Amino acid sequence: MSISSLLSLLALVAVLTLVVAMFVGGAVYVLRLRRHGSEAVLAASRKRRELRD
């Protein structure tokens, strides 16, 4: 395999990893919303943001 083939393969793997990560993150968010409800999820997010400041 040439260097350009390896770089192309590496770029493809990186892009696919990002796409999979976005879907996994979305699935985790949807599951949290279903489990706890939107108000609780948003309240926890606000609380976390206040603690960080």
C-alpha atoms as a PDB file:
ATOM      1  CA  MET A   1       0.000   0.000   0.000  1.00  0.00           C
ATOM      2  CA  SER A   2       1.204   3.444  -0.807  1.00  0.00           C
ATOM      3  CA  ILE A   3       1.320   6.361   1.586  1.00  0.00           C
ATOM      4  CA  SER A   4      -1.584   8.130  -0.131  1.00  0.00           C
ATOM      5  CA  SER A   5      -3.759   5.017   0.238  1.00  0.00           C
ATOM      6  CA  LEU A   6      -2.954   4.827   3.927  1.00  0.00           C
ATOM      7  CA  LEU A   7      -3.711   8.519   4.420  1.00  0.00           C
ATOM      8  CA  SER A   8      -7.008   8.155   2.562  1.00  0.00           C
ATOM      9  CA  LEU A   9      -7.933   5.173   4.691  1.00  0.00           C
ATOM     10  CA  LEU A  10      -6.990   7.061   7.849  1.00  0.00           C
ATOM     11  CA  ALA A  11      -9.114  10.050   6.795  1.00  0.00           C
ATOM     12  CA  LEU A  12     -12.067   7.759   6.075  1.00  0.00           C
ATOM     13  CA  VAL A  13     -11.756   6.098   9.472  1.00  0.00           C
ATOM     14  CA  ALA A  14     -11.572   9.509  11.179  1.00  0.00           C
ATOM     15  CA  VAL A  15     -14.709  10.765   9.419  1.00  0.00           C
ATOM     16  CA  LEU A  16     -16.644   7.579  10.151  1.00  0.00           C
ATOM     17  CA  THR A  17     -15.585   7.767  13.796  1.00  0.00           C
ATOM     18  CA  LEU A  18     -16.960  11.301  14.055  1.00  0.00           C
ATOM     19  CA  VAL A  19     -20.265  10.273  12.480  1.00  0.00           C
ATOM     20  CA  VAL A  20     -20.620   7.302  14.833  1.00  0.00           C
ATOM     21  CA  ALA A  21     -19.759   9.511  17.825  1.00  0.00           C
ATOM     22  CA  MET A  22     -22.491  11.983  16.861  1.00  0.00           C
ATOM     23  CA  PHE A  23     -25.092   9.220  16.630  1.00  0.00           C
ATOM     24  CA  VAL A  24     -24.009   7.698  19.945  1.00  0.00           C
ATOM     25  CA  GLY A  25     -24.152  11.108  21.627  1.00  0.00           C
ATOM     26  CA  GLY A  26     -27.621  11.708  20.221  1.00  0.00           C
ATOM     27  CA  ALA A  27     -28.810   8.303  21.401  1.00  0.00           C
ATOM     28  CA  VAL A  28     -27.481   8.936  24.913  1.00  0.00           C
ATOM     29  CA  TYR A  29     -29.235  12.319  25.005  1.00  0.00           C
ATOM     30  CA  VAL A  30     -32.544  10.835  23.828  1.00  0.00           C
ATOM     31  CA  LEU A  31     -32.316   8.055  26.423  1.00  0.00           C
ATOM     32  CA  ARG A  32     -31.663  10.607  29.177  1.00  0.00           C
ATOM     33  CA  LEU A  33     -34.658  12.633  28.010  1.00  0.00           C
ATOM     34  CA  ARG A  34     -36.909   9.574  28.074  1.00  0.00           C
ATOM     35  CA  ARG A  35     -35.665   8.447  31.478  1.00  0.00           C
ATOM     36  CA  HIS A  36     -35.647  11.729  33.369  1.00  0.00           C
ATOM     37  CA  GLY A  37     -37.801  14.080  31.306  1.00  0.00           C
ATOM     38  CA  SER A  38     -36.767  17.263  29.577  1.00  0.00           C
ATOM     39  CA  GLU A  39     -37.155  19.517  32.621  1.00  0.00           C
ATOM     40  CA  ALA A  40     -34.812  17.433  34.773  1.00  0.00           C
ATOM     41  CA  VAL A  41     -32.206  17.112  32.016  1.00  0.00           C
ATOM     42  CA  LEU A  42     -32.218  20.847  31.336  1.00  0.00           C
ATOM     43  CA  ALA A  43     -32.126  21.680  35.062  1.00  0.00           C
ATOM     44  CA  ALA A  44     -29.099  19.419  35.540  1.00  0.00           C
ATOM     45  CA  SER A  45     -27.419  21.077  32.576  1.00  0.00           C
ATOM     46  CA  ARG A  46     -28.040  24.539  34.020  1.00  0.00           C
ATOM     47  CA  LYS A  47     -26.723  23.430  37.413  1.00  0.00           C
ATOM     48  CA  ARG A  48     -23.578  21.956  35.851  1.00  0.00           C
ATOM     49  CA  ARG A  49     -22.982  25.148  33.886  1.00  0.00           C
ATOM     50  CA  GLU A  50     -23.359  27.276  37.035  1.00  0.00           C
ATOM     51  CA  LEU A  51     -20.879  25.101  38.937  1.00  0.00           C
ATOM     52  CA  ARG A  52     -18.322  25.473  36.166  1.00  0.00           C
ATOM     53  CA  ASP A  53     -18.404  29.287  36.153  1.00  0.00           C
END
